Structures are given as C-alpha cells and as structure tokens.
C-alpha cells in the first residue's frame, strides 16, 4: 500500500460476527494482516446470554402455569398464565433493550482499549461496528464505514439519533443500493453531519447489506483514500489548534509537513472519482455530537 507505512487499522465487526469474519479476512488480504487489529466486541456472547436467560425464564414460568393448572382451579391457572405471558413480554421488551445497551457500552470499552494499545490511525467498521466507532472517546481518526447501522440502533432503542461525523478528519461511507436491512437514507443523513467540504464521501454500490461483492482491490482503494486524505486533514486540524486529533499517531516527512501547511491556504479540490457505483462528496448542513 503506497505511502501507508505507519498505517494501523482498527476493525470493528458486525453485531452477529466475531474476529476472523469474512470482512476482516478481506481487509487483511487488502492491506496486510499485520496492519489490522480486530478486537472481539463480545456482541455474540451477549446475545447468546440474553437468549439463554430468556429461555430459562420461559421454562420457569411455563412450569408455574402447568403446576397452577394441575394443582389449583382452572381460573387460577388462567390468571397465572396471563400474568406469566405479560411478564415474558415485559422481559423481552425491557430486557432486550437493557441487553443491547449493555452490549454497546461493553463493545465501546473494548474498542477504546484496543485503540489505545495499537495507537490506531484509521478505523474500519461495519454495521453495528459503526455505532461503536462513532461512540468512542478517543482522538478523532479517519474512518471507513460499511453499511453503518447507527440509526437502526436508535430506532430499536427508541432514542433520538445523536450520531454525527462532527470532528472526524475524513470519512468514506460505503452502502449497498439493495440494502434491505439499513436504509440508504440513513447513510445520506449521516453524511450531512460531516465538517467542511471534502471531508466525507458516500460510495453507493450495487449490493445488499452484506456487501459481499466488494473485492480486496476496492477495499484497499477505500482504505488508502481514507488514510491519505485523513492524514492530511489531521495535520491541518492539529496545526490549527484542534484538541480532538492526535498528529503523533502518524509519521511525518518534510514533504508531508510542507504539503499540510500549503493545504491550509488553498481551497479543497474535491474528492477523487469513484471506480464503482455512485460517489457523492458532502458539504455539511449541520453538526452535532454523540
């Protein structure tokens, strides 16, 4: 990968995935395994634990209903059945949200720890991993977000969407035009929260939510774009006194330092054209914070 000798990528996996996933292997093939750190966000374990607890509760309540029906009068059994059904519905509704919130908080802690250990300077996140990436309390670094599920998370949790790209040096969002899981409009709205012209781009490809058609060469191109454009923006932001970026995460040569200074006094030239699908560069309409 040209010019990316100090590239260190933090990969954040999907909700029902784990380290060693297909996307992680694709990323490692694209840029080199030694450059990728992929922590286990423990999302699958949390889901399995919730399902197990819910099944145990269901069996216990069912046993209570059967015992009441056999040992007591029929109307007592009916009352126990109705109460048990209501309790199960409440447990599923509130327990599911509590488990999801716990899973998100735990994933953020794990990701932040790995970020600090690796001193990551690029984040690649897919679906739920994007929720984690946008929630981390770490220096802002360039990001590649694949089918981000931030609004999907908010819809499930009945929360106001507070996820934004504010402060992030450079972002490329890749979304499938045939995605039936996460609407394309979610990514478009997220793009509108980015800072400055030339700081973000949306790549729409002919694919579904899983983005199975993505090739290693395309992924390498996106990561390289995020790294090179983002590194330049980090230099500009750091020189302007921004406290939410850390220029020490990157190696700097004399030519790069001079280029960063020159870029501060020149207008943005826009983003490179996409090799595939539809590409859109965003000029922001608003900002916010998570």
C-alpha atoms as a PDB file:
ATOM      1  CA  UNK A   1       0.000   0.000   0.000  1.00  0.00           C
ATOM      2  CA  UNK A   2       1.706   3.157  -1.203  1.00  0.00           C
ATOM      3  CA  UNK A   3       2.556   5.752   1.431  1.00  0.00           C
ATOM      4  CA  UNK A   4       0.931   3.823   4.277  1.00  0.00           C
ATOM      5  CA  UNK A   5       3.980   2.519   6.160  1.00  0.00           C
ATOM      6  CA  UNK A   6       2.570   3.685   9.502  1.00  0.00           C
ATOM      7  CA  UNK A   7      -0.995   2.529   8.764  1.00  0.00           C
ATOM      8  CA  UNK A   8      -2.654   0.860  11.776  1.00  0.00           C
ATOM      9  CA  UNK A   9      -6.281  -0.132  11.276  1.00  0.00           C
ATOM     10  CA  UNK A  10      -8.796  -0.916  14.000  1.00  0.00           C
ATOM     11  CA  UNK A  11     -11.531  -3.156  12.570  1.00  0.00           C
ATOM     12  CA  UNK A  12     -14.885  -3.230  14.394  1.00  0.00           C
ATOM     13  CA  UNK A  13     -17.094  -6.148  13.439  1.00  0.00           C
ATOM     14  CA  UNK A  14     -20.840  -6.556  12.963  1.00  0.00           C
ATOM     15  CA  UNK A  15     -23.433  -7.402  15.629  1.00  0.00           C
ATOM     16  CA  UNK A  16     -23.609 -11.140  14.919  1.00  0.00           C
ATOM     17  CA  UNK A  17     -19.964 -11.509  13.951  1.00  0.00           C
ATOM     18  CA  UNK A  18     -16.624 -12.033  15.695  1.00  0.00           C
ATOM     19  CA  UNK A  19     -12.878 -11.868  14.982  1.00  0.00           C
ATOM     20  CA  UNK A  20     -11.971 -13.875  11.897  1.00  0.00           C
ATOM     21  CA  UNK A  21     -15.089 -12.804   9.996  1.00  0.00           C
ATOM     22  CA  UNK A  22     -15.248 -12.691   6.207  1.00  0.00           C
ATOM     23  CA  UNK A  23     -14.882  -8.893   6.131  1.00  0.00           C
ATOM     24  CA  UNK A  24     -11.889  -8.987   8.449  1.00  0.00           C
ATOM     25  CA  UNK A  25     -10.147 -11.563   6.251  1.00  0.00           C
ATOM     26  CA  UNK A  26     -10.940  -9.438   3.199  1.00  0.00           C
ATOM     27  CA  UNK A  27      -9.430  -6.383   4.891  1.00  0.00           C
ATOM     28  CA  UNK A  28      -6.317  -8.314   5.915  1.00  0.00           C
ATOM     29  CA  UNK A  29      -5.920  -9.549   2.355  1.00  0.00           C
ATOM     30  CA  UNK A  30      -6.329  -6.000   1.045  1.00  0.00           C
ATOM     31  CA  UNK A  31      -3.820  -4.168   3.263  1.00  0.00           C
ATOM     32  CA  UNK A  32      -1.864  -6.854   5.136  1.00  0.00           C
ATOM     33  CA  UNK A  33      -2.708  -8.815   8.274  1.00  0.00           C
ATOM     34  CA  UNK A  34      -0.032  -7.080  10.359  1.00  0.00           C
ATOM     35  CA  UNK A  35      -1.792  -3.728   9.920  1.00  0.00           C
ATOM     36  CA  UNK A  36      -5.176  -4.871  11.246  1.00  0.00           C
ATOM     37  CA  UNK A  37      -6.314  -5.288  14.849  1.00  0.00           C
ATOM     38  CA  UNK A  38      -9.796  -6.724  15.315  1.00  0.00           C
ATOM     39  CA  UNK A  39     -10.934  -6.938  18.947  1.00  0.00           C
ATOM     40  CA  UNK A  40     -13.728  -9.274  19.954  1.00  0.00           C
ATOM     41  CA  UNK A  41     -16.547  -6.878  20.887  1.00  0.00           C
ATOM     42  CA  UNK A  42     -18.360  -9.772  22.653  1.00  0.00           C
ATOM     43  CA  UNK A  43     -21.641  -8.927  20.930  1.00  0.00           C
ATOM     44  CA  UNK A  44     -22.426 -12.523  20.015  1.00  0.00           C
ATOM     45  CA  UNK A  45     -21.785 -13.700  23.582  1.00  0.00           C
ATOM     46  CA  UNK A  46     -24.091 -11.017  24.984  1.00  0.00           C
ATOM     47  CA  UNK A  47     -26.867 -12.002  22.583  1.00  0.00           C
ATOM     48  CA  UNK A  48     -26.488 -15.687  23.468  1.00  0.00           C
ATOM     49  CA  UNK A  49     -26.541 -14.891  27.195  1.00  0.00           C
ATOM     50  CA  UNK A  50     -29.757 -12.878  26.827  1.00  0.00           C
ATOM     51  CA  UNK A  51     -31.398 -15.682  24.816  1.00  0.00           C
ATOM     52  CA  UNK A  52     -30.346 -18.250  27.437  1.00  0.00           C
ATOM     53  CA  UNK A  53     -31.722 -16.181  30.327  1.00  0.00           C
ATOM     54  CA  UNK A  54     -34.972 -15.600  28.435  1.00  0.00           C
ATOM     55  CA  UNK A  55     -35.342 -19.334  27.720  1.00  0.00           C
ATOM     56  CA  UNK A  56     -34.751 -20.216  31.387  1.00  0.00           C
ATOM     57  CA  UNK A  57     -37.355 -17.640  32.431  1.00  0.00           C
ATOM     58  CA  UNK A  58     -39.807 -19.038  29.870  1.00  0.00           C
ATOM     59  CA  UNK A  59     -39.353 -22.611  31.148  1.00  0.00           C
ATOM     60  CA  UNK A  60     -39.791 -21.498  34.771  1.00  0.00           C
ATOM     61  CA  UNK A  61     -42.977 -19.566  34.007  1.00  0.00           C
ATOM     62  CA  UNK A  62     -44.348 -22.400  31.885  1.00  0.00           C
ATOM     63  CA  UNK A  63     -43.739 -24.830  34.750  1.00  0.00           C
ATOM     64  CA  UNK A  64     -45.566 -22.461  37.091  1.00  0.00           C
ATOM     65  CA  UNK A  65     -48.546 -22.265  34.722  1.00  0.00           C
ATOM     66  CA  UNK A  66     -48.733 -26.069  34.411  1.00  0.00           C
ATOM     67  CA  UNK A  67     -48.470 -26.526  38.179  1.00  0.00           C
ATOM     68  CA  UNK A  68     -51.207 -23.961  38.787  1.00  0.00           C
ATOM     69  CA  UNK A  69     -53.475 -25.599  36.214  1.00  0.00           C
ATOM     70  CA  UNK A  70     -52.994 -29.058  37.727  1.00  0.00           C
ATOM     71  CA  UNK A  71     -52.955 -28.266  41.439  1.00  0.00           C
ATOM     72  CA  UNK A  72     -55.396 -25.350  41.578  1.00  0.00           C
ATOM     73  CA  UNK A  73     -58.697 -24.442  39.981  1.00  0.00           C
ATOM     74  CA  UNK A  74     -58.840 -23.641  36.277  1.00  0.00           C
ATOM     75  CA  UNK A  75     -59.380 -19.913  36.702  1.00  0.00           C
ATOM     76  CA  UNK A  76     -56.320 -19.680  38.935  1.00  0.00           C
ATOM     77  CA  UNK A  77     -54.317 -21.412  36.216  1.00  0.00           C
ATOM     78  CA  UNK A  78     -55.700 -18.941  33.671  1.00  0.00           C
ATOM     79  CA  UNK A  79     -54.699 -15.972  35.834  1.00  0.00           C
ATOM     80  CA  UNK A  80     -51.199 -17.390  36.272  1.00  0.00           C
ATOM     81  CA  UNK A  81     -50.970 -17.925  32.505  1.00  0.00           C
ATOM     82  CA  UNK A  82     -51.968 -14.319  31.726  1.00  0.00           C
ATOM     83  CA  UNK A  83     -49.560 -12.952  34.338  1.00  0.00           C
ATOM     84  CA  UNK A  84     -46.734 -15.133  33.001  1.00  0.00           C
ATOM     85  CA  UNK A  85     -47.378 -14.049  29.409  1.00  0.00           C
ATOM     86  CA  UNK A  86     -47.352 -10.376  30.437  1.00  0.00           C
ATOM     87  CA  UNK A  87     -44.127 -10.894  32.385  1.00  0.00           C
ATOM     88  CA  UNK A  88     -42.480 -12.559  29.385  1.00  0.00           C
ATOM     89  CA  UNK A  89     -43.466  -9.685  27.091  1.00  0.00           C
ATOM     90  CA  UNK A  90     -42.090  -7.125  29.542  1.00  0.00           C
ATOM     91  CA  UNK A  91     -38.889  -9.132  29.986  1.00  0.00           C
ATOM     92  CA  UNK A  92     -38.406  -9.341  26.231  1.00  0.00           C
ATOM     93  CA  UNK A  93     -39.102  -5.629  25.681  1.00  0.00           C
ATOM     94  CA  UNK A  94     -37.135  -4.085  28.541  1.00  0.00           C
ATOM     95  CA  UNK A  95     -34.597  -6.896  28.866  1.00  0.00           C
ATOM     96  CA  UNK A  96     -33.796  -6.719  25.165  1.00  0.00           C
ATOM     97  CA  UNK A  97     -33.124  -3.000  25.356  1.00  0.00           C
ATOM     98  CA  UNK A  98     -31.072  -3.352  28.538  1.00  0.00           C
ATOM     99  CA  UNK A  99     -29.012  -6.140  26.963  1.00  0.00           C
ATOM    100  CA  UNK A 100     -28.467  -4.069  23.807  1.00  0.00           C
ATOM    101  CA  UNK A 101     -27.339  -1.041  25.795  1.00  0.00           C
ATOM    102  CA  UNK A 102     -25.001  -3.194  27.890  1.00  0.00           C
ATOM    103  CA  UNK A 103     -23.630  -4.787  24.714  1.00  0.00           C
ATOM    104  CA  UNK A 104     -22.979  -1.344  23.179  1.00  0.00           C
ATOM    105  CA  UNK A 105     -21.253   0.002  26.305  1.00  0.00           C
ATOM    106  CA  UNK A 106     -19.095  -3.107  26.625  1.00  0.00           C
ATOM    107  CA  UNK A 107     -18.142  -3.006  22.937  1.00  0.00           C
ATOM    108  CA  UNK A 108     -17.142   0.670  23.208  1.00  0.00           C
ATOM    109  CA  UNK A 109     -14.894  -0.061  26.215  1.00  0.00           C
ATOM    110  CA  UNK A 110     -13.209  -2.954  24.398  1.00  0.00           C
ATOM    111  CA  UNK A 111     -12.700  -0.895  21.225  1.00  0.00           C
ATOM    112  CA  UNK A 112     -11.272   2.088  23.131  1.00  0.00           C
ATOM    113  CA  UNK A 113      -8.797  -0.165  24.953  1.00  0.00           C
ATOM    114  CA  UNK A 114      -7.593  -1.782  21.709  1.00  0.00           C
ATOM    115  CA  UNK A 115      -7.371   1.656  20.028  1.00  0.00           C
ATOM    116  CA  UNK A 116      -5.042   2.912  22.755  1.00  0.00           C
ATOM    117  CA  UNK A 117      -2.938  -0.267  22.704  1.00  0.00           C
ATOM    118  CA  UNK A 118      -2.480  -0.211  18.933  1.00  0.00           C
ATOM    119  CA  UNK A 119      -2.459   3.585  18.591  1.00  0.00           C
ATOM    120  CA  UNK A 120      -4.772   3.135  15.628  1.00  0.00           C
ATOM    121  CA  UNK A 121      -4.848   5.852  12.976  1.00  0.00           C
ATOM    122  CA  UNK A 122      -7.721   4.506  10.837  1.00  0.00           C
ATOM    123  CA  UNK A 123     -10.978   2.822  11.856  1.00  0.00           C
ATOM    124  CA  UNK A 124     -12.844   0.438   9.557  1.00  0.00           C
ATOM    125  CA  UNK A 125     -16.258  -0.503  10.923  1.00  0.00           C
ATOM    126  CA  UNK A 126     -19.176  -2.479   9.554  1.00  0.00           C
ATOM    127  CA  UNK A 127     -22.860  -2.139  10.532  1.00  0.00           C
ATOM    128  CA  UNK A 128     -23.044  -2.238  14.382  1.00  0.00           C
ATOM    129  CA  UNK A 129     -19.301  -1.652  14.471  1.00  0.00           C
ATOM    130  CA  UNK A 130     -20.029   1.822  13.099  1.00  0.00           C
ATOM    131  CA  UNK A 131     -22.212   2.519  16.153  1.00  0.00           C
ATOM    132  CA  UNK A 132     -19.228   1.639  18.325  1.00  0.00           C
ATOM    133  CA  UNK A 133     -16.804   3.693  16.200  1.00  0.00           C
ATOM    134  CA  UNK A 134     -18.972   6.820  16.414  1.00  0.00           C
ATOM    135  CA  UNK A 135     -19.309   6.415  20.209  1.00  0.00           C
ATOM    136  CA  UNK A 136     -15.641   6.053  21.156  1.00  0.00           C
ATOM    137  CA  UNK A 137     -13.996   8.665  23.381  1.00  0.00           C
ATOM    138  CA  UNK A 138     -10.607   8.690  21.623  1.00  0.00           C
ATOM    139  CA  UNK A 139      -8.753  11.095  19.311  1.00  0.00           C
ATOM    140  CA  UNK A 140     -10.661  11.502  16.050  1.00  0.00           C
ATOM    141  CA  UNK A 141      -9.170   9.486  13.189  1.00  0.00           C
ATOM    142  CA  UNK A 142     -10.252   8.840   9.584  1.00  0.00           C
ATOM    143  CA  UNK A 143     -12.972   6.214   9.167  1.00  0.00           C
ATOM    144  CA  UNK A 144     -14.308   3.795   6.575  1.00  0.00           C
ATOM    145  CA  UNK A 145     -17.895   2.891   7.496  1.00  0.00           C
ATOM    146  CA  UNK A 146     -19.536  -0.072   5.746  1.00  0.00           C
ATOM    147  CA  UNK A 147     -23.362  -0.134   5.884  1.00  0.00           C
ATOM    148  CA  UNK A 148     -23.457   1.889   9.136  1.00  0.00           C
ATOM    149  CA  UNK A 149     -26.352   0.884  11.410  1.00  0.00           C
ATOM    150  CA  UNK A 150     -26.371   3.916  13.726  1.00  0.00           C
ATOM    151  CA  UNK A 151     -29.992   4.912  13.050  1.00  0.00           C
ATOM    152  CA  UNK A 152     -31.096   1.275  13.176  1.00  0.00           C
ATOM    153  CA  UNK A 153     -29.694   1.119  16.700  1.00  0.00           C
ATOM    154  CA  UNK A 154     -31.518   4.327  17.661  1.00  0.00           C
ATOM    155  CA  UNK A 155     -34.800   3.070  16.206  1.00  0.00           C
ATOM    156  CA  UNK A 156     -34.590  -0.158  18.201  1.00  0.00           C
ATOM    157  CA  UNK A 157     -33.651   1.654  21.410  1.00  0.00           C
ATOM    158  CA  UNK A 158     -36.284   4.389  20.825  1.00  0.00           C
ATOM    159  CA  UNK A 159     -33.569   7.040  21.064  1.00  0.00           C
ATOM    160  CA  UNK A 160     -33.080  10.332  19.271  1.00  0.00           C
ATOM    161  CA  UNK A 161     -30.295   9.935  16.728  1.00  0.00           C
ATOM    162  CA  UNK A 162     -27.265  11.761  18.106  1.00  0.00           C
ATOM    163  CA  UNK A 163     -24.609  10.097  15.960  1.00  0.00           C
ATOM    164  CA  UNK A 164     -22.677  12.512  13.750  1.00  0.00           C
ATOM    165  CA  UNK A 165     -19.427  12.798  11.795  1.00  0.00           C
ATOM    166  CA  UNK A 166     -18.583  16.075  13.534  1.00  0.00           C
ATOM    167  CA  UNK A 167     -14.851  16.337  14.211  1.00  0.00           C
ATOM    168  CA  UNK A 168     -13.833  13.276  12.196  1.00  0.00           C
ATOM    169  CA  UNK A 169     -10.972  14.216   9.818  1.00  0.00           C
ATOM    170  CA  UNK A 170     -12.181  12.211   6.816  1.00  0.00           C
ATOM    171  CA  UNK A 171     -14.895   9.584   6.233  1.00  0.00           C
ATOM    172  CA  UNK A 172     -15.880   7.273   3.404  1.00  0.00           C
ATOM    173  CA  UNK A 173     -19.266   5.561   3.762  1.00  0.00           C
ATOM    174  CA  UNK A 174     -19.985   2.511   1.601  1.00  0.00           C
ATOM    175  CA  UNK A 175     -23.632   1.457   1.272  1.00  0.00           C
ATOM    176  CA  UNK A 176     -25.412  -1.070  -0.936  1.00  0.00           C
ATOM    177  CA  UNK A 177     -28.206   0.215  -3.160  1.00  0.00           C
ATOM    178  CA  UNK A 178     -30.133  -3.007  -2.455  1.00  0.00           C
ATOM    179  CA  UNK A 179     -29.697  -2.913   1.325  1.00  0.00           C
ATOM    180  CA  UNK A 180     -32.966  -4.107   2.913  1.00  0.00           C
ATOM    181  CA  UNK A 181     -31.585  -4.078   6.470  1.00  0.00           C
ATOM    182  CA  UNK A 182     -30.340  -0.493   6.781  1.00  0.00           C
ATOM    183  CA  UNK A 183     -31.922   2.169   4.529  1.00  0.00           C
ATOM    184  CA  UNK A 184     -29.561   4.106   2.267  1.00  0.00           C
ATOM    185  CA  UNK A 185     -31.164   7.319   3.567  1.00  0.00           C
ATOM    186  CA  UNK A 186     -29.534   6.627   6.957  1.00  0.00           C
ATOM    187  CA  UNK A 187     -26.080   6.991   5.400  1.00  0.00           C
ATOM    188  CA  UNK A 188     -27.132  10.076   3.442  1.00  0.00           C
ATOM    189  CA  UNK A 189     -28.321  11.784   6.638  1.00  0.00           C
ATOM    190  CA  UNK A 190     -25.102  10.804   8.418  1.00  0.00           C
ATOM    191  CA  UNK A 191     -23.053  12.293   5.579  1.00  0.00           C
ATOM    192  CA  UNK A 192     -24.855  15.612   6.047  1.00  0.00           C
ATOM    193  CA  UNK A 193     -23.347  15.955   9.549  1.00  0.00           C
ATOM    194  CA  UNK A 194     -19.716  15.983   8.332  1.00  0.00           C
ATOM    195  CA  UNK A 195     -17.437  19.003   8.704  1.00  0.00           C
ATOM    196  CA  UNK A 196     -16.103  21.071   5.833  1.00  0.00           C
ATOM    197  CA  UNK A 197     -16.107  20.432   2.085  1.00  0.00           C
ATOM    198  CA  UNK A 198     -14.044  17.447   1.014  1.00  0.00           C
ATOM    199  CA  UNK A 199     -14.144  15.778   4.439  1.00  0.00           C
ATOM    200  CA  UNK A 200     -16.546  12.930   3.574  1.00  0.00           C
ATOM    201  CA  UNK A 201     -17.808  10.838   0.693  1.00  0.00           C
ATOM    202  CA  UNK A 202     -20.601   8.314   0.082  1.00  0.00           C
ATOM    203  CA  UNK A 203     -19.960   5.321  -2.159  1.00  0.00           C
ATOM    204  CA  UNK A 204     -23.156   3.577  -3.294  1.00  0.00           C
ATOM    205  CA  UNK A 205     -22.580   0.177  -4.883  1.00  0.00           C
ATOM    206  CA  UNK A 206     -24.895  -2.379  -6.437  1.00  0.00           C
ATOM    207  CA  UNK A 207     -25.072  -4.773  -3.482  1.00  0.00           C
ATOM    208  CA  UNK A 208     -27.026  -5.746  -0.366  1.00  0.00           C
ATOM    209  CA  UNK A 209     -26.315  -5.072   3.316  1.00  0.00           C
ATOM    210  CA  UNK A 210     -23.561  -7.705   3.472  1.00  0.00           C
ATOM    211  CA  UNK A 211     -21.548  -6.055   0.648  1.00  0.00           C
ATOM    212  CA  UNK A 212     -20.358  -9.483  -0.487  1.00  0.00           C
ATOM    213  CA  UNK A 213     -19.351  -8.235  -3.939  1.00  0.00           C
ATOM    214  CA  UNK A 214     -16.586  -5.980  -2.587  1.00  0.00           C
ATOM    215  CA  UNK A 215     -13.151  -7.023  -3.854  1.00  0.00           C
ATOM    216  CA  UNK A 216      -9.833  -6.651  -1.967  1.00  0.00           C
ATOM    217  CA  UNK A 217      -8.644  -4.067  -4.509  1.00  0.00           C
ATOM    218  CA  UNK A 218     -11.708  -1.880  -3.884  1.00  0.00           C
ATOM    219  CA  UNK A 219     -11.327  -2.160  -0.121  1.00  0.00           C
ATOM    220  CA  UNK A 220      -7.638  -1.275  -0.405  1.00  0.00           C
ATOM    221  CA  UNK A 221      -8.516   1.770  -2.502  1.00  0.00           C
ATOM    222  CA  UNK A 222     -11.042   2.999   0.072  1.00  0.00           C
ATOM    223  CA  UNK A 223      -8.669   2.461   2.997  1.00  0.00           C
ATOM    224  CA  UNK A 224      -5.856   4.224   1.155  1.00  0.00           C
ATOM    225  CA  UNK A 225      -8.146   7.166   0.363  1.00  0.00           C
ATOM    226  CA  UNK A 226      -9.291   7.426   3.973  1.00  0.00           C
ATOM    227  CA  UNK A 227      -5.719   7.195   5.242  1.00  0.00           C
ATOM    228  CA  UNK A 228      -4.094   9.689   2.853  1.00  0.00           C
ATOM    229  CA  UNK A 229      -6.903  12.260   2.874  1.00  0.00           C
ATOM    230  CA  UNK A 230      -7.483  11.837   6.603  1.00  0.00           C
ATOM    231  CA  UNK A 231      -3.808  12.162   7.482  1.00  0.00           C
ATOM    232  CA  UNK A 232      -3.642  15.476   5.638  1.00  0.00           C
ATOM    233  CA  UNK A 233      -6.761  16.711   7.447  1.00  0.00           C
ATOM    234  CA  UNK A 234      -5.321  15.640  10.821  1.00  0.00           C
ATOM    235  CA  UNK A 235      -2.227  17.759  10.105  1.00  0.00           C
ATOM    236  CA  UNK A 236      -4.352  20.769   9.168  1.00  0.00           C
ATOM    237  CA  UNK A 237      -6.560  20.388  12.251  1.00  0.00           C
ATOM    238  CA  UNK A 238      -3.604  19.868  14.595  1.00  0.00           C
ATOM    239  CA  UNK A 239      -1.813  22.942  13.200  1.00  0.00           C
ATOM    240  CA  UNK A 240      -4.976  24.988  13.712  1.00  0.00           C
ATOM    241  CA  UNK A 241      -5.037  24.017  17.398  1.00  0.00           C
ATOM    242  CA  UNK A 242      -7.751  21.339  17.374  1.00  0.00           C
ATOM    243  CA  UNK A 243      -7.619  19.245  20.557  1.00  0.00           C
ATOM    244  CA  UNK A 244      -9.675  16.288  19.320  1.00  0.00           C
ATOM    245  CA  UNK A 245      -6.984  14.912  16.961  1.00  0.00           C
ATOM    246  CA  UNK A 246      -3.542  13.457  17.682  1.00  0.00           C
ATOM    247  CA  UNK A 247      -0.920  14.077  14.994  1.00  0.00           C
ATOM    248  CA  UNK A 248       1.548  11.797  16.817  1.00  0.00           C
ATOM    249  CA  UNK A 249      -0.445   8.785  15.569  1.00  0.00           C
ATOM    250  CA  UNK A 250       1.149   9.357  12.145  1.00  0.00           C
ATOM    251  CA  UNK A 251       4.682   9.501  10.791  1.00  0.00           C
ATOM    252  CA  UNK A 252       5.527  12.797   9.118  1.00  0.00           C
ATOM    253  CA  UNK A 253       8.126  13.557   6.473  1.00  0.00           C
ATOM    254  CA  UNK A 254       9.284  17.034   5.500  1.00  0.00           C
ATOM    255  CA  UNK A 255       7.290  16.922   2.258  1.00  0.00           C
ATOM    256  CA  UNK A 256       4.104  15.970   4.097  1.00  0.00           C
ATOM    257  CA  UNK A 257       4.590  18.778   6.599  1.00  0.00           C
ATOM    258  CA  UNK A 258       5.021  21.327   3.812  1.00  0.00           C
ATOM    259  CA  UNK A 259       2.005  19.934   1.963  1.00  0.00           C
ATOM    260  CA  UNK A 260      -0.106  20.216   5.094  1.00  0.00           C
ATOM    261  CA  UNK A 261       0.813  23.858   5.562  1.00  0.00           C
ATOM    262  CA  UNK A 262       0.070  24.627   1.928  1.00  0.00           C
ATOM    263  CA  UNK A 263      -3.296  22.888   2.107  1.00  0.00           C
ATOM    264  CA  UNK A 264      -4.384  25.252   4.875  1.00  0.00           C
ATOM    265  CA  UNK A 265      -4.177  28.193   2.480  1.00  0.00           C
ATOM    266  CA  UNK A 266      -5.704  26.550  -0.577  1.00  0.00           C
ATOM    267  CA  UNK A 267      -9.325  25.606  -1.271  1.00  0.00           C
ATOM    268  CA  UNK A 268     -10.258  21.959  -1.352  1.00  0.00           C
ATOM    269  CA  UNK A 269     -10.038  20.346  -4.745  1.00  0.00           C
ATOM    270  CA  UNK A 270     -12.795  17.843  -4.023  1.00  0.00           C
ATOM    271  CA  UNK A 271     -12.656  14.085  -3.894  1.00  0.00           C
ATOM    272  CA  UNK A 272     -11.432  11.638  -6.450  1.00  0.00           C
ATOM    273  CA  UNK A 273     -13.997   9.944  -8.648  1.00  0.00           C
ATOM    274  CA  UNK A 274     -15.258   6.547  -7.684  1.00  0.00           C
ATOM    275  CA  UNK A 275     -14.197   3.479  -9.594  1.00  0.00           C
ATOM    276  CA  UNK A 276     -17.526   1.817  -8.961  1.00  0.00           C
ATOM    277  CA  UNK A 277     -21.103   2.757  -8.161  1.00  0.00           C
ATOM    278  CA  UNK A 278     -22.162   6.293  -7.329  1.00  0.00           C
ATOM    279  CA  UNK A 279     -19.922   8.660  -5.401  1.00  0.00           C
ATOM    280  CA  UNK A 280     -21.074  11.780  -3.559  1.00  0.00           C
ATOM    281  CA  UNK A 281     -18.953  14.360  -1.774  1.00  0.00           C
ATOM    282  CA  UNK A 282     -20.674  16.120   1.096  1.00  0.00           C
ATOM    283  CA  UNK A 283     -20.797  19.752   2.092  1.00  0.00           C
ATOM    284  CA  UNK A 284     -22.287  19.769   5.591  1.00  0.00           C
ATOM    285  CA  UNK A 285     -25.674  21.084   6.566  1.00  0.00           C
ATOM    286  CA  UNK A 286     -25.238  20.704  10.286  1.00  0.00           C
ATOM    287  CA  UNK A 287     -23.079  19.471  13.135  1.00  0.00           C
ATOM    288  CA  UNK A 288     -23.652  17.738  16.409  1.00  0.00           C
ATOM    289  CA  UNK A 289     -22.095  15.441  18.965  1.00  0.00           C
ATOM    290  CA  UNK A 290     -22.712  11.954  20.206  1.00  0.00           C
END
